[in-house]
């Protein structure tokens, strides 16, 4: 309700950038409710608005964020081909913007590196850990613009390794994440879920038990 009211308020103010961002937030909620068709419809309709296509660089960046969100939703819906097409479109927008950091108040902005980070997550969600890891090799984590983004990078790598059955490497990736972004890493539900799965599926090493205690996964 709050997200929809935000969109209505933005429309009343005739602020197309805020309308687009409110639509993106509404679509995120729809995706989390597994309403994938609705989420895609919301973000793609917002991205298709002529104002975002012909406006300032910030408007182009917002359009890129919408398409990036659509790519992740397509992955969650099981549409790998659609996900890759949308991810490539978002990457092209970011490249055409010249690599400049835009929308700085949006978690670090819209740049090629953050588009690639979302590609890692999307490939993971589509069930292709090898392609996710290949995408990760193109990202320098110290260039990511926020702690949250760096935590997501390491978590996605660990998740891909876990799906691929590379258990020891998965644990090492989780420990690397903890080293670089400890507070953010300990607070992420995805990390707790991953560590809980490792505890239930194999040998409980001292390192793993220590990590499990720190993220709250140790029973």
N, C-alpha and C. Protein backbone atom coordinates (compact mmCIF):
# COMPACT_ATOMS: atom_id res chain seq x y z
N UNK A 1 0.83 -1.20 0.00
CA UNK A 1 0.00 0.00 0.00
C UNK A 1 0.86 1.26 0.00
N UNK A 2 1.95 1.24 0.79
CA UNK A 2 2.83 2.41 0.86
C UNK A 2 3.49 2.66 -0.49
N UNK A 3 3.95 1.58 -1.14
CA UNK A 3 4.60 1.74 -2.45
C UNK A 3 3.62 2.27 -3.48
N UNK A 4 2.40 1.78 -3.46
CA UNK A 4 1.40 2.25 -4.42
C UNK A 4 1.04 3.71 -4.15
N UNK A 5 0.95 4.09 -2.88
CA UNK A 5 0.67 5.49 -2.56
C UNK A 5 1.83 6.39 -3.00
N UNK A 6 3.05 5.89 -2.87
CA UNK A 6 4.21 6.66 -3.33
C UNK A 6 4.10 6.91 -4.83
N UNK A 7 3.69 5.90 -5.57
CA UNK A 7 3.55 6.07 -7.02
C UNK A 7 2.45 7.08 -7.34
N UNK A 8 1.33 7.00 -6.63
CA UNK A 8 0.23 7.94 -6.85
C UNK A 8 0.66 9.37 -6.54
N UNK A 9 1.42 9.53 -5.44
CA UNK A 9 1.89 10.87 -5.07
C UNK A 9 2.84 11.43 -6.12
N UNK A 10 3.74 10.57 -6.62
CA UNK A 10 4.68 10.99 -7.66
C UNK A 10 3.95 11.38 -8.94
N UNK A 11 2.91 10.62 -9.28
CA UNK A 11 2.12 10.94 -10.47
C UNK A 11 1.40 12.27 -10.30
N UNK A 12 0.88 12.53 -9.10
CA UNK A 12 0.20 13.79 -8.83
C UNK A 12 1.16 14.97 -8.95
N UNK A 13 2.41 14.74 -8.57
CA UNK A 13 3.43 15.79 -8.66
C UNK A 13 4.03 15.87 -10.06
N UNK A 14 3.66 14.94 -10.93
CA UNK A 14 4.17 14.87 -12.31
C UNK A 14 5.70 14.79 -12.33
N UNK A 15 6.25 14.00 -11.42
CA UNK A 15 7.71 13.76 -11.37
C UNK A 15 7.96 12.37 -11.92
N UNK A 16 8.33 12.30 -13.21
CA UNK A 16 8.44 11.01 -13.87
C UNK A 16 9.54 10.14 -13.29
N UNK A 17 10.60 10.75 -12.78
CA UNK A 17 11.68 9.96 -12.19
C UNK A 17 11.19 9.26 -10.92
N UNK A 18 10.44 9.99 -10.10
CA UNK A 18 9.89 9.40 -8.88
C UNK A 18 8.80 8.38 -9.21
N UNK A 19 8.02 8.64 -10.24
CA UNK A 19 7.01 7.66 -10.66
C UNK A 19 7.67 6.35 -11.04
N UNK A 20 8.76 6.45 -11.79
CA UNK A 20 9.47 5.24 -12.23
C UNK A 20 10.07 4.49 -11.05
N UNK A 21 10.66 5.23 -10.12
CA UNK A 21 11.28 4.56 -8.96
C UNK A 21 10.22 3.94 -8.07
N UNK A 22 9.08 4.60 -7.90
CA UNK A 22 7.99 4.02 -7.11
C UNK A 22 7.47 2.76 -7.78
N UNK A 23 7.40 2.75 -9.11
CA UNK A 23 6.97 1.56 -9.83
C UNK A 23 7.97 0.43 -9.63
N UNK A 24 9.24 0.76 -9.63
CA UNK A 24 10.27 -0.28 -9.43
C UNK A 24 10.14 -0.91 -8.04
N UNK A 25 9.92 -0.08 -7.04
CA UNK A 25 9.76 -0.59 -5.67
C UNK A 25 8.50 -1.46 -5.56
N UNK A 26 7.44 -1.05 -6.23
CA UNK A 26 6.20 -1.83 -6.21
C UNK A 26 6.43 -3.19 -6.88
N UNK A 27 7.19 -3.18 -7.96
CA UNK A 27 7.48 -4.43 -8.67
C UNK A 27 8.33 -5.37 -7.82
N UNK A 28 9.25 -4.82 -7.04
CA UNK A 28 10.06 -5.65 -6.14
C UNK A 28 9.16 -6.39 -5.16
N UNK A 29 8.18 -5.68 -4.62
CA UNK A 29 7.25 -6.32 -3.68
C UNK A 29 6.43 -7.40 -4.37
N UNK A 30 6.01 -7.13 -5.60
CA UNK A 30 5.25 -8.13 -6.35
C UNK A 30 6.11 -9.37 -6.61
N UNK A 31 7.38 -9.14 -6.95
CA UNK A 31 8.28 -10.28 -7.18
C UNK A 31 8.46 -11.11 -5.92
N UNK A 32 8.62 -10.44 -4.79
CA UNK A 32 8.81 -11.16 -3.53
C UNK A 32 7.57 -11.96 -3.14
N UNK A 33 6.42 -11.54 -3.65
CA UNK A 33 5.18 -12.30 -3.43
C UNK A 33 4.98 -13.38 -4.49
N UNK A 34 6.00 -13.54 -5.37
CA UNK A 34 5.95 -14.51 -6.47
C UNK A 34 4.90 -14.16 -7.52
N UNK A 35 4.55 -12.89 -7.62
CA UNK A 35 3.66 -12.42 -8.68
C UNK A 35 4.54 -11.93 -9.83
N UNK A 36 5.18 -12.86 -10.50
CA UNK A 36 6.21 -12.48 -11.48
C UNK A 36 5.63 -11.76 -12.69
N UNK A 37 4.48 -12.20 -13.19
CA UNK A 37 3.88 -11.54 -14.35
C UNK A 37 3.54 -10.09 -14.03
N UNK A 38 2.98 -9.87 -12.84
CA UNK A 38 2.62 -8.51 -12.45
C UNK A 38 3.86 -7.65 -12.29
N UNK A 39 4.90 -8.21 -11.67
CA UNK A 39 6.14 -7.46 -11.47
C UNK A 39 6.75 -7.04 -12.80
N UNK A 40 6.80 -7.97 -13.75
CA UNK A 40 7.34 -7.66 -15.07
C UNK A 40 6.51 -6.59 -15.77
N UNK A 41 5.20 -6.72 -15.67
CA UNK A 41 4.32 -5.74 -16.31
C UNK A 41 4.55 -4.34 -15.76
N UNK A 42 4.71 -4.24 -14.44
CA UNK A 42 4.90 -2.93 -13.80
C UNK A 42 6.20 -2.28 -14.25
N UNK A 43 7.32 -3.03 -14.18
CA UNK A 43 8.61 -2.40 -14.49
C UNK A 43 8.77 -2.13 -15.98
N UNK A 44 8.29 -3.03 -16.82
CA UNK A 44 8.48 -2.83 -18.25
C UNK A 44 7.59 -1.69 -18.77
N UNK A 45 6.39 -1.55 -18.20
CA UNK A 45 5.53 -0.42 -18.58
C UNK A 45 6.18 0.89 -18.17
N UNK A 46 6.77 0.93 -16.97
CA UNK A 46 7.45 2.14 -16.51
C UNK A 46 8.67 2.45 -17.37
N UNK A 47 9.43 1.41 -17.72
CA UNK A 47 10.64 1.60 -18.52
C UNK A 47 10.32 2.09 -19.93
N UNK A 48 9.13 1.78 -20.42
CA UNK A 48 8.75 2.13 -21.79
C UNK A 48 8.23 3.55 -21.91
N UNK A 49 8.13 4.27 -20.81
CA UNK A 49 7.60 5.63 -20.88
C UNK A 49 8.53 6.51 -21.71
N UNK A 50 8.01 7.28 -22.65
CA UNK A 50 8.86 8.11 -23.52
C UNK A 50 9.76 9.07 -22.75
N UNK A 51 9.32 9.52 -21.59
CA UNK A 51 10.11 10.47 -20.82
C UNK A 51 11.45 9.87 -20.38
N UNK A 52 11.43 8.58 -20.03
CA UNK A 52 12.68 7.94 -19.62
C UNK A 52 13.58 7.67 -20.82
N UNK A 53 12.99 7.50 -21.98
CA UNK A 53 13.79 7.23 -23.17
C UNK A 53 14.46 8.49 -23.71
N UNK A 54 13.82 9.64 -23.51
CA UNK A 54 14.35 10.85 -24.13
C UNK A 54 14.78 11.92 -23.16
N UNK A 55 14.93 11.55 -21.89
CA UNK A 55 15.26 12.55 -20.88
C UNK A 55 16.75 12.66 -20.61
N UNK A 56 17.06 13.06 -19.40
CA UNK A 56 18.45 13.28 -18.99
C UNK A 56 19.14 11.95 -18.72
N UNK A 57 20.47 11.97 -18.49
CA UNK A 57 21.17 10.72 -18.13
C UNK A 57 20.57 10.03 -16.91
N UNK A 58 20.09 10.79 -15.93
CA UNK A 58 19.47 10.16 -14.76
C UNK A 58 18.20 9.40 -15.16
N UNK A 59 17.47 9.91 -16.13
CA UNK A 59 16.28 9.20 -16.58
C UNK A 59 16.66 7.92 -17.32
N UNK A 60 17.72 7.98 -18.11
CA UNK A 60 18.20 6.77 -18.77
C UNK A 60 18.66 5.75 -17.74
N UNK A 61 19.32 6.23 -16.69
CA UNK A 61 19.79 5.33 -15.63
C UNK A 61 18.63 4.68 -14.90
N UNK A 62 17.57 5.45 -14.65
CA UNK A 62 16.39 4.88 -14.00
C UNK A 62 15.75 3.83 -14.89
N UNK A 63 15.73 4.09 -16.19
CA UNK A 63 15.21 3.09 -17.12
C UNK A 63 16.07 1.82 -17.05
N UNK A 64 17.37 2.00 -16.94
CA UNK A 64 18.25 0.85 -16.80
C UNK A 64 17.96 0.06 -15.54
N UNK A 65 17.69 0.75 -14.44
CA UNK A 65 17.35 0.07 -13.19
C UNK A 65 16.07 -0.75 -13.34
N UNK A 66 15.10 -0.19 -14.03
CA UNK A 66 13.84 -0.91 -14.25
C UNK A 66 14.07 -2.17 -15.08
N UNK A 67 14.84 -2.06 -16.13
CA UNK A 67 15.10 -3.22 -16.97
C UNK A 67 15.94 -4.25 -16.23
N UNK A 68 16.88 -3.77 -15.42
CA UNK A 68 17.69 -4.65 -14.57
C UNK A 68 16.79 -5.43 -13.61
N UNK A 69 15.82 -4.74 -13.02
CA UNK A 69 14.87 -5.40 -12.13
C UNK A 69 14.04 -6.43 -12.88
N UNK A 70 13.65 -6.09 -14.11
CA UNK A 70 12.88 -7.03 -14.92
C UNK A 70 13.70 -8.28 -15.22
N UNK A 71 14.99 -8.11 -15.45
CA UNK A 71 15.86 -9.26 -15.73
C UNK A 71 15.87 -10.22 -14.54
N UNK A 72 16.00 -9.67 -13.34
CA UNK A 72 16.04 -10.52 -12.15
C UNK A 72 14.69 -11.22 -11.94
N UNK A 73 13.61 -10.50 -12.22
CA UNK A 73 12.28 -11.11 -12.10
C UNK A 73 12.11 -12.24 -13.11
N UNK A 74 12.59 -12.04 -14.33
CA UNK A 74 12.51 -13.09 -15.35
C UNK A 74 13.28 -14.33 -14.89
N UNK A 75 14.43 -14.11 -14.25
CA UNK A 75 15.20 -15.25 -13.73
C UNK A 75 14.41 -16.00 -12.67
N UNK A 76 13.77 -15.26 -11.77
CA UNK A 76 12.98 -15.90 -10.72
C UNK A 76 11.79 -16.65 -11.30
N UNK A 77 11.31 -16.20 -12.45
CA UNK A 77 10.18 -16.85 -13.11
C UNK A 77 10.61 -18.04 -13.96
N UNK A 78 11.93 -18.28 -14.06
CA UNK A 78 12.43 -19.41 -14.83
C UNK A 78 12.66 -19.11 -16.30
N UNK A 79 12.62 -17.84 -16.69
CA UNK A 79 12.81 -17.45 -18.08
C UNK A 79 14.26 -17.02 -18.28
N UNK A 80 15.16 -17.97 -18.47
CA UNK A 80 16.58 -17.66 -18.58
C UNK A 80 16.89 -16.84 -19.82
N UNK A 81 16.29 -17.19 -20.95
CA UNK A 81 16.54 -16.44 -22.18
C UNK A 81 16.08 -14.99 -22.05
N UNK A 82 14.88 -14.80 -21.49
CA UNK A 82 14.38 -13.45 -21.28
C UNK A 82 15.26 -12.67 -20.32
N UNK A 83 15.71 -13.34 -19.26
CA UNK A 83 16.60 -12.69 -18.29
C UNK A 83 17.85 -12.18 -18.97
N UNK A 84 18.47 -13.01 -19.79
CA UNK A 84 19.73 -12.62 -20.43
C UNK A 84 19.52 -11.49 -21.43
N UNK A 85 18.41 -11.52 -22.13
CA UNK A 85 18.12 -10.43 -23.07
C UNK A 85 17.96 -9.11 -22.33
N UNK A 86 17.22 -9.13 -21.23
CA UNK A 86 17.01 -7.91 -20.45
C UNK A 86 18.30 -7.45 -19.77
N UNK A 87 19.09 -8.39 -19.27
CA UNK A 87 20.36 -8.02 -18.64
C UNK A 87 21.29 -7.37 -19.64
N UNK A 88 21.32 -7.89 -20.86
CA UNK A 88 22.16 -7.29 -21.90
C UNK A 88 21.68 -5.88 -22.25
N UNK A 89 20.35 -5.68 -22.25
CA UNK A 89 19.81 -4.35 -22.54
C UNK A 89 20.21 -3.36 -21.45
N UNK A 90 20.13 -3.79 -20.18
CA UNK A 90 20.55 -2.92 -19.08
C UNK A 90 22.04 -2.60 -19.17
N UNK A 91 22.85 -3.60 -19.53
CA UNK A 91 24.29 -3.39 -19.66
C UNK A 91 24.60 -2.39 -20.78
N UNK A 92 23.84 -2.46 -21.87
CA UNK A 92 24.05 -1.51 -22.98
C UNK A 92 23.73 -0.09 -22.55
N UNK A 93 22.65 0.09 -21.78
CA UNK A 93 22.31 1.42 -21.28
C UNK A 93 23.43 1.96 -20.41
N UNK A 94 23.94 1.12 -19.49
CA UNK A 94 25.01 1.56 -18.60
C UNK A 94 26.26 1.92 -19.39
N UNK A 95 26.59 1.12 -20.40
CA UNK A 95 27.77 1.40 -21.22
C UNK A 95 27.60 2.71 -21.99
N UNK A 96 26.42 2.93 -22.53
CA UNK A 96 26.17 4.16 -23.30
C UNK A 96 26.22 5.41 -22.43
N UNK A 97 25.99 5.23 -21.14
CA UNK A 97 26.08 6.37 -20.22
C UNK A 97 27.53 6.70 -19.89
N UNK A 98 28.45 5.90 -20.38
CA UNK A 98 29.87 6.22 -20.23
C UNK A 98 30.50 5.80 -18.93
N UNK A 99 29.82 4.93 -18.17
CA UNK A 99 30.40 4.45 -16.92
C UNK A 99 30.31 5.44 -15.78
N UNK A 100 29.57 6.54 -16.00
CA UNK A 100 29.43 7.54 -14.94
C UNK A 100 28.46 7.03 -13.87
N UNK A 101 28.81 7.27 -12.61
CA UNK A 101 27.92 6.88 -11.51
C UNK A 101 26.75 7.84 -11.46
N UNK A 102 25.55 7.30 -11.66
CA UNK A 102 24.33 8.10 -11.64
C UNK A 102 23.41 7.59 -10.55
N UNK A 103 22.43 8.42 -10.19
CA UNK A 103 21.47 8.05 -9.14
C UNK A 103 22.21 7.65 -7.87
N UNK A 104 23.05 8.52 -7.38
CA UNK A 104 23.92 8.19 -6.24
C UNK A 104 23.14 7.85 -4.97
N UNK A 105 21.90 8.36 -4.88
CA UNK A 105 21.11 8.05 -3.68
C UNK A 105 20.44 6.68 -3.80
N UNK A 106 20.77 5.95 -4.86
CA UNK A 106 20.18 4.63 -5.03
C UNK A 106 21.25 3.56 -4.83
N UNK A 107 21.65 3.32 -3.59
CA UNK A 107 22.55 2.22 -3.27
C UNK A 107 23.86 2.25 -4.01
N UNK A 108 24.34 3.43 -4.41
CA UNK A 108 25.62 3.51 -5.09
C UNK A 108 25.50 3.86 -6.54
N UNK A 109 24.30 3.82 -7.11
CA UNK A 109 24.14 4.28 -8.47
C UNK A 109 23.95 3.18 -9.49
N UNK A 110 23.88 3.62 -10.74
CA UNK A 110 23.69 2.71 -11.88
C UNK A 110 24.92 2.83 -12.77
N UNK A 111 25.75 1.81 -12.76
CA UNK A 111 26.98 1.77 -13.53
C UNK A 111 27.17 0.35 -14.06
N UNK A 112 28.05 0.14 -15.03
CA UNK A 112 28.24 -1.21 -15.57
C UNK A 112 28.56 -2.26 -14.50
N UNK A 113 29.32 -1.88 -13.48
CA UNK A 113 29.68 -2.84 -12.44
C UNK A 113 28.46 -3.33 -11.67
N UNK A 114 27.54 -2.43 -11.34
CA UNK A 114 26.36 -2.86 -10.59
C UNK A 114 25.40 -3.65 -11.48
N UNK A 115 25.39 -3.36 -12.78
CA UNK A 115 24.60 -4.18 -13.70
C UNK A 115 25.15 -5.61 -13.73
N UNK A 116 26.47 -5.71 -13.76
CA UNK A 116 27.10 -7.04 -13.76
C UNK A 116 26.82 -7.78 -12.46
N UNK A 117 26.77 -7.05 -11.36
CA UNK A 117 26.45 -7.66 -10.07
C UNK A 117 25.05 -8.27 -10.10
N UNK A 118 24.10 -7.56 -10.68
CA UNK A 118 22.74 -8.10 -10.80
C UNK A 118 22.71 -9.30 -11.74
N UNK A 119 23.58 -9.30 -12.73
CA UNK A 119 23.64 -10.45 -13.64
C UNK A 119 24.06 -11.71 -12.87
N UNK A 120 25.00 -11.56 -11.94
CA UNK A 120 25.42 -12.69 -11.11
C UNK A 120 24.23 -13.25 -10.35
N UNK A 121 23.48 -12.36 -9.70
CA UNK A 121 22.31 -12.79 -8.93
C UNK A 121 21.27 -13.45 -9.82
N UNK A 122 21.06 -12.88 -11.01
CA UNK A 122 20.05 -13.42 -11.91
C UNK A 122 20.44 -14.81 -12.40
N UNK A 123 21.71 -14.99 -12.75
CA UNK A 123 22.16 -16.31 -13.21
C UNK A 123 22.04 -17.33 -12.07
N UNK A 124 22.34 -16.91 -10.86
CA UNK A 124 22.15 -17.78 -9.70
C UNK A 124 20.69 -18.19 -9.57
N UNK A 125 19.80 -17.21 -9.66
CA UNK A 125 18.37 -17.49 -9.51
C UNK A 125 17.85 -18.38 -10.64
N UNK A 126 18.47 -18.26 -11.81
CA UNK A 126 18.06 -19.08 -12.95
C UNK A 126 18.61 -20.50 -12.85
N UNK A 127 19.46 -20.74 -11.84
CA UNK A 127 19.98 -22.09 -11.63
C UNK A 127 21.20 -22.43 -12.44
N UNK A 128 22.00 -21.42 -12.82
CA UNK A 128 23.21 -21.65 -13.62
C UNK A 128 24.42 -21.14 -12.85
N UNK A 129 24.92 -21.90 -11.87
CA UNK A 129 26.02 -21.41 -11.04
C UNK A 129 27.31 -21.18 -11.81
N UNK A 130 27.59 -21.98 -12.82
CA UNK A 130 28.83 -21.79 -13.57
C UNK A 130 28.84 -20.46 -14.30
N UNK A 131 27.69 -20.08 -14.89
CA UNK A 131 27.60 -18.79 -15.58
C UNK A 131 27.62 -17.64 -14.57
N UNK A 132 27.02 -17.86 -13.40
CA UNK A 132 27.07 -16.84 -12.35
C UNK A 132 28.51 -16.58 -11.92
N UNK A 133 29.30 -17.64 -11.75
CA UNK A 133 30.69 -17.48 -11.34
C UNK A 133 31.52 -16.83 -12.45
N UNK A 134 31.21 -17.16 -13.71
CA UNK A 134 31.90 -16.51 -14.83
C UNK A 134 31.61 -15.01 -14.83
N UNK A 135 30.35 -14.65 -14.55
CA UNK A 135 29.99 -13.23 -14.47
C UNK A 135 30.70 -12.55 -13.31
N UNK A 136 30.87 -13.27 -12.21
CA UNK A 136 31.52 -12.70 -11.03
C UNK A 136 32.98 -12.36 -11.29
N UNK A 137 33.62 -13.12 -12.18
CA UNK A 137 35.03 -12.86 -12.47
C UNK A 137 35.24 -11.52 -13.17
N UNK A 138 34.18 -10.96 -13.72
CA UNK A 138 34.28 -9.67 -14.39
C UNK A 138 34.08 -8.49 -13.44
N UNK A 139 33.86 -8.77 -12.16
CA UNK A 139 33.60 -7.72 -11.17
C UNK A 139 34.77 -7.62 -10.19
N UNK A 140 35.26 -6.41 -10.00
CA UNK A 140 36.26 -6.16 -8.96
C UNK A 140 35.51 -5.68 -7.73
N UNK A 141 35.42 -6.51 -6.67
CA UNK A 141 34.56 -6.14 -5.54
C UNK A 141 34.91 -4.81 -4.89
N UNK A 142 36.20 -4.42 -4.93
CA UNK A 142 36.57 -3.15 -4.29
C UNK A 142 36.04 -1.95 -5.09
N UNK A 143 35.57 -2.18 -6.32
CA UNK A 143 34.98 -1.11 -7.11
C UNK A 143 33.48 -0.97 -6.89
N UNK A 144 32.89 -1.91 -6.16
CA UNK A 144 31.46 -1.81 -5.88
C UNK A 144 31.21 -0.62 -4.95
N UNK A 145 30.13 0.13 -5.20
CA UNK A 145 29.98 1.44 -4.56
C UNK A 145 29.43 1.44 -3.13
N UNK A 146 29.08 0.28 -2.58
CA UNK A 146 28.53 0.28 -1.22
C UNK A 146 28.83 -1.04 -0.53
N UNK A 147 28.78 -1.02 0.80
CA UNK A 147 28.99 -2.25 1.58
C UNK A 147 27.91 -3.28 1.25
N UNK A 148 26.69 -2.82 1.08
CA UNK A 148 25.59 -3.75 0.76
C UNK A 148 25.87 -4.46 -0.55
N UNK A 149 26.37 -3.73 -1.54
CA UNK A 149 26.67 -4.35 -2.83
C UNK A 149 27.81 -5.36 -2.70
N UNK A 150 28.82 -5.04 -1.90
CA UNK A 150 29.93 -5.98 -1.72
C UNK A 150 29.46 -7.24 -1.00
N UNK A 151 28.60 -7.08 -0.01
CA UNK A 151 28.05 -8.24 0.70
C UNK A 151 27.26 -9.12 -0.26
N UNK A 152 26.49 -8.49 -1.12
CA UNK A 152 25.70 -9.26 -2.09
C UNK A 152 26.62 -10.02 -3.04
N UNK A 153 27.72 -9.39 -3.46
CA UNK A 153 28.68 -10.04 -4.37
C UNK A 153 29.22 -11.32 -3.76
N UNK A 154 29.72 -11.23 -2.53
CA UNK A 154 30.32 -12.41 -1.89
C UNK A 154 29.26 -13.48 -1.59
N UNK A 155 28.08 -13.05 -1.20
CA UNK A 155 27.01 -14.01 -0.92
C UNK A 155 26.60 -14.76 -2.19
N UNK A 156 26.51 -14.05 -3.30
CA UNK A 156 26.16 -14.69 -4.56
C UNK A 156 27.21 -15.70 -4.99
N UNK A 157 28.48 -15.36 -4.80
CA UNK A 157 29.55 -16.31 -5.14
C UNK A 157 29.42 -17.57 -4.29
N UNK A 158 29.22 -17.38 -2.99
CA UNK A 158 29.08 -18.53 -2.10
C UNK A 158 27.88 -19.38 -2.49
N UNK A 159 26.76 -18.74 -2.82
CA UNK A 159 25.56 -19.49 -3.21
C UNK A 159 25.81 -20.29 -4.49
N UNK A 160 26.51 -19.69 -5.45
CA UNK A 160 26.81 -20.40 -6.70
C UNK A 160 27.70 -21.60 -6.44
N UNK A 161 28.71 -21.42 -5.60
CA UNK A 161 29.60 -22.54 -5.27
C UNK A 161 28.84 -23.64 -4.54
N UNK A 162 27.93 -23.24 -3.64
CA UNK A 162 27.13 -24.23 -2.93
C UNK A 162 26.25 -25.03 -3.87
N UNK A 163 25.62 -24.34 -4.83
CA UNK A 163 24.77 -25.04 -5.80
C UNK A 163 25.57 -25.99 -6.67
N UNK A 164 26.82 -25.65 -6.90
CA UNK A 164 27.67 -26.45 -7.77
C UNK A 164 28.32 -27.62 -7.01
N UNK A 165 28.04 -27.69 -5.71
CA UNK A 165 28.59 -28.77 -4.89
C UNK A 165 30.03 -28.56 -4.45
N UNK A 166 30.52 -27.35 -4.60
CA UNK A 166 31.90 -27.05 -4.21
C UNK A 166 31.89 -26.50 -2.78
N UNK A 167 31.67 -27.41 -1.86
CA UNK A 167 31.39 -27.08 -0.47
C UNK A 167 32.53 -26.30 0.20
N UNK A 168 33.75 -26.79 0.09
CA UNK A 168 34.88 -26.13 0.75
C UNK A 168 35.08 -24.72 0.21
N UNK A 169 34.95 -24.57 -1.11
CA UNK A 169 35.09 -23.23 -1.70
C UNK A 169 33.96 -22.31 -1.26
N UNK A 170 32.78 -22.89 -1.09
CA UNK A 170 31.64 -22.11 -0.62
C UNK A 170 31.92 -21.55 0.78
N UNK A 171 32.45 -22.39 1.65
CA UNK A 171 32.77 -21.93 3.01
C UNK A 171 33.84 -20.85 2.97
N UNK A 172 34.86 -21.04 2.10
CA UNK A 172 35.91 -20.02 2.00
C UNK A 172 35.34 -18.69 1.49
N UNK A 173 34.38 -18.76 0.57
CA UNK A 173 33.76 -17.54 0.07
C UNK A 173 32.96 -16.84 1.17
N UNK A 174 32.28 -17.61 2.00
CA UNK A 174 31.54 -17.03 3.12
C UNK A 174 32.47 -16.38 4.13
N UNK A 175 33.61 -17.01 4.38
CA UNK A 175 34.58 -16.43 5.29
C UNK A 175 35.20 -15.16 4.71
N UNK A 176 35.39 -15.14 3.38
CA UNK A 176 35.89 -13.92 2.73
C UNK A 176 34.87 -12.80 2.86
N UNK A 177 33.60 -13.15 2.69
CA UNK A 177 32.54 -12.15 2.85
C UNK A 177 32.55 -11.59 4.27
N UNK A 178 32.70 -12.47 5.22
CA UNK A 178 32.74 -12.03 6.62
C UNK A 178 33.93 -11.12 6.87
N UNK A 179 35.06 -11.43 6.27
CA UNK A 179 36.27 -10.61 6.45
C UNK A 179 36.07 -9.20 5.91
N UNK A 180 35.44 -9.09 4.74
CA UNK A 180 35.32 -7.80 4.09
C UNK A 180 34.15 -6.98 4.61
N UNK A 181 33.02 -7.63 4.89
CA UNK A 181 31.81 -6.90 5.33
C UNK A 181 31.15 -7.67 6.47
N UNK A 182 31.80 -7.74 7.64
CA UNK A 182 31.31 -8.61 8.72
C UNK A 182 29.90 -8.28 9.20
N UNK A 183 29.62 -7.00 9.48
CA UNK A 183 28.31 -6.68 10.04
C UNK A 183 27.20 -6.96 9.04
N UNK A 184 27.41 -6.55 7.80
CA UNK A 184 26.41 -6.78 6.77
C UNK A 184 26.24 -8.27 6.52
N UNK A 185 27.34 -9.00 6.51
CA UNK A 185 27.29 -10.44 6.26
C UNK A 185 26.51 -11.16 7.36
N UNK A 186 26.75 -10.80 8.61
CA UNK A 186 26.08 -11.47 9.73
C UNK A 186 24.58 -11.21 9.73
N UNK A 187 24.16 -10.09 9.14
CA UNK A 187 22.76 -9.70 9.19
C UNK A 187 21.94 -10.21 8.01
N UNK A 188 22.59 -10.81 7.02
CA UNK A 188 21.88 -11.20 5.80
C UNK A 188 21.19 -12.55 5.97
N UNK A 189 19.86 -12.61 5.82
CA UNK A 189 19.15 -13.90 5.94
C UNK A 189 19.66 -14.94 4.95
N UNK A 190 20.07 -14.51 3.75
CA UNK A 190 20.56 -15.46 2.76
C UNK A 190 21.80 -16.19 3.25
N UNK A 191 22.65 -15.48 4.00
CA UNK A 191 23.86 -16.11 4.54
C UNK A 191 23.48 -17.13 5.60
N UNK A 192 22.57 -16.77 6.48
CA UNK A 192 22.14 -17.70 7.52
C UNK A 192 21.54 -18.97 6.91
N UNK A 193 20.72 -18.80 5.87
CA UNK A 193 20.13 -19.95 5.20
C UNK A 193 21.19 -20.84 4.57
N UNK A 194 22.17 -20.21 3.93
CA UNK A 194 23.23 -20.96 3.27
C UNK A 194 24.07 -21.73 4.29
N UNK A 195 24.42 -21.07 5.38
CA UNK A 195 25.22 -21.72 6.42
C UNK A 195 24.43 -22.86 7.07
N UNK A 196 23.15 -22.64 7.30
CA UNK A 196 22.31 -23.71 7.87
C UNK A 196 22.30 -24.93 6.97
N UNK A 197 22.24 -24.71 5.67
CA UNK A 197 22.28 -25.81 4.72
C UNK A 197 23.59 -26.55 4.75
N UNK A 198 24.68 -25.83 4.89
CA UNK A 198 26.00 -26.47 4.97
C UNK A 198 26.12 -27.31 6.24
N UNK A 199 25.56 -26.81 7.34
CA UNK A 199 25.60 -27.56 8.59
C UNK A 199 24.83 -28.87 8.47
N UNK A 200 23.72 -28.82 7.74
CA UNK A 200 22.85 -30.00 7.65
C UNK A 200 23.33 -31.02 6.62
N UNK A 201 24.23 -30.59 5.73
CA UNK A 201 24.53 -31.45 4.59
C UNK A 201 25.91 -32.08 4.59
N UNK A 202 26.74 -31.74 5.57
CA UNK A 202 28.09 -32.29 5.52
C UNK A 202 28.85 -32.10 6.81
N UNK A 203 30.17 -32.25 6.70
CA UNK A 203 31.04 -32.19 7.87
C UNK A 203 31.00 -30.82 8.51
N UNK A 204 30.87 -30.80 9.82
CA UNK A 204 30.82 -29.55 10.58
C UNK A 204 32.23 -29.23 11.08
N UNK A 205 32.99 -28.52 10.28
CA UNK A 205 34.34 -28.15 10.66
C UNK A 205 34.31 -27.05 11.71
N UNK A 206 35.45 -26.82 12.34
CA UNK A 206 35.55 -25.75 13.34
C UNK A 206 35.25 -24.41 12.70
N UNK A 207 35.76 -24.19 11.49
CA UNK A 207 35.51 -22.93 10.79
C UNK A 207 34.03 -22.73 10.52
N UNK A 208 33.37 -23.79 10.07
CA UNK A 208 31.96 -23.69 9.75
C UNK A 208 31.12 -23.47 11.01
N UNK A 209 31.44 -24.17 12.07
CA UNK A 209 30.69 -23.99 13.31
C UNK A 209 30.88 -22.58 13.87
N UNK A 210 32.10 -22.06 13.76
CA UNK A 210 32.34 -20.69 14.22
C UNK A 210 31.55 -19.67 13.41
N UNK A 211 31.54 -19.85 12.10
CA UNK A 211 30.78 -18.96 11.23
C UNK A 211 29.29 -19.07 11.54
N UNK A 212 28.81 -20.30 11.74
CA UNK A 212 27.40 -20.51 12.05
C UNK A 212 27.01 -19.81 13.35
N UNK A 213 27.88 -19.84 14.33
CA UNK A 213 27.60 -19.16 15.59
C UNK A 213 27.49 -17.64 15.39
N UNK A 214 28.37 -17.12 14.54
CA UNK A 214 28.42 -15.66 14.35
C UNK A 214 27.23 -15.15 13.54
N UNK A 215 26.68 -15.98 12.64
CA UNK A 215 25.53 -15.54 11.85
C UNK A 215 24.20 -15.98 12.46
N UNK A 216 24.26 -16.67 13.58
CA UNK A 216 23.05 -17.09 14.26
C UNK A 216 22.40 -18.32 13.67
N UNK A 217 23.21 -19.17 13.03
CA UNK A 217 22.65 -20.38 12.40
C UNK A 217 22.93 -21.64 13.23
N UNK A 218 23.69 -21.50 14.30
CA UNK A 218 24.06 -22.67 15.09
C UNK A 218 22.98 -22.94 16.14
N UNK A 219 22.44 -24.14 16.11
CA UNK A 219 21.40 -24.53 17.06
C UNK A 219 22.03 -25.14 18.29
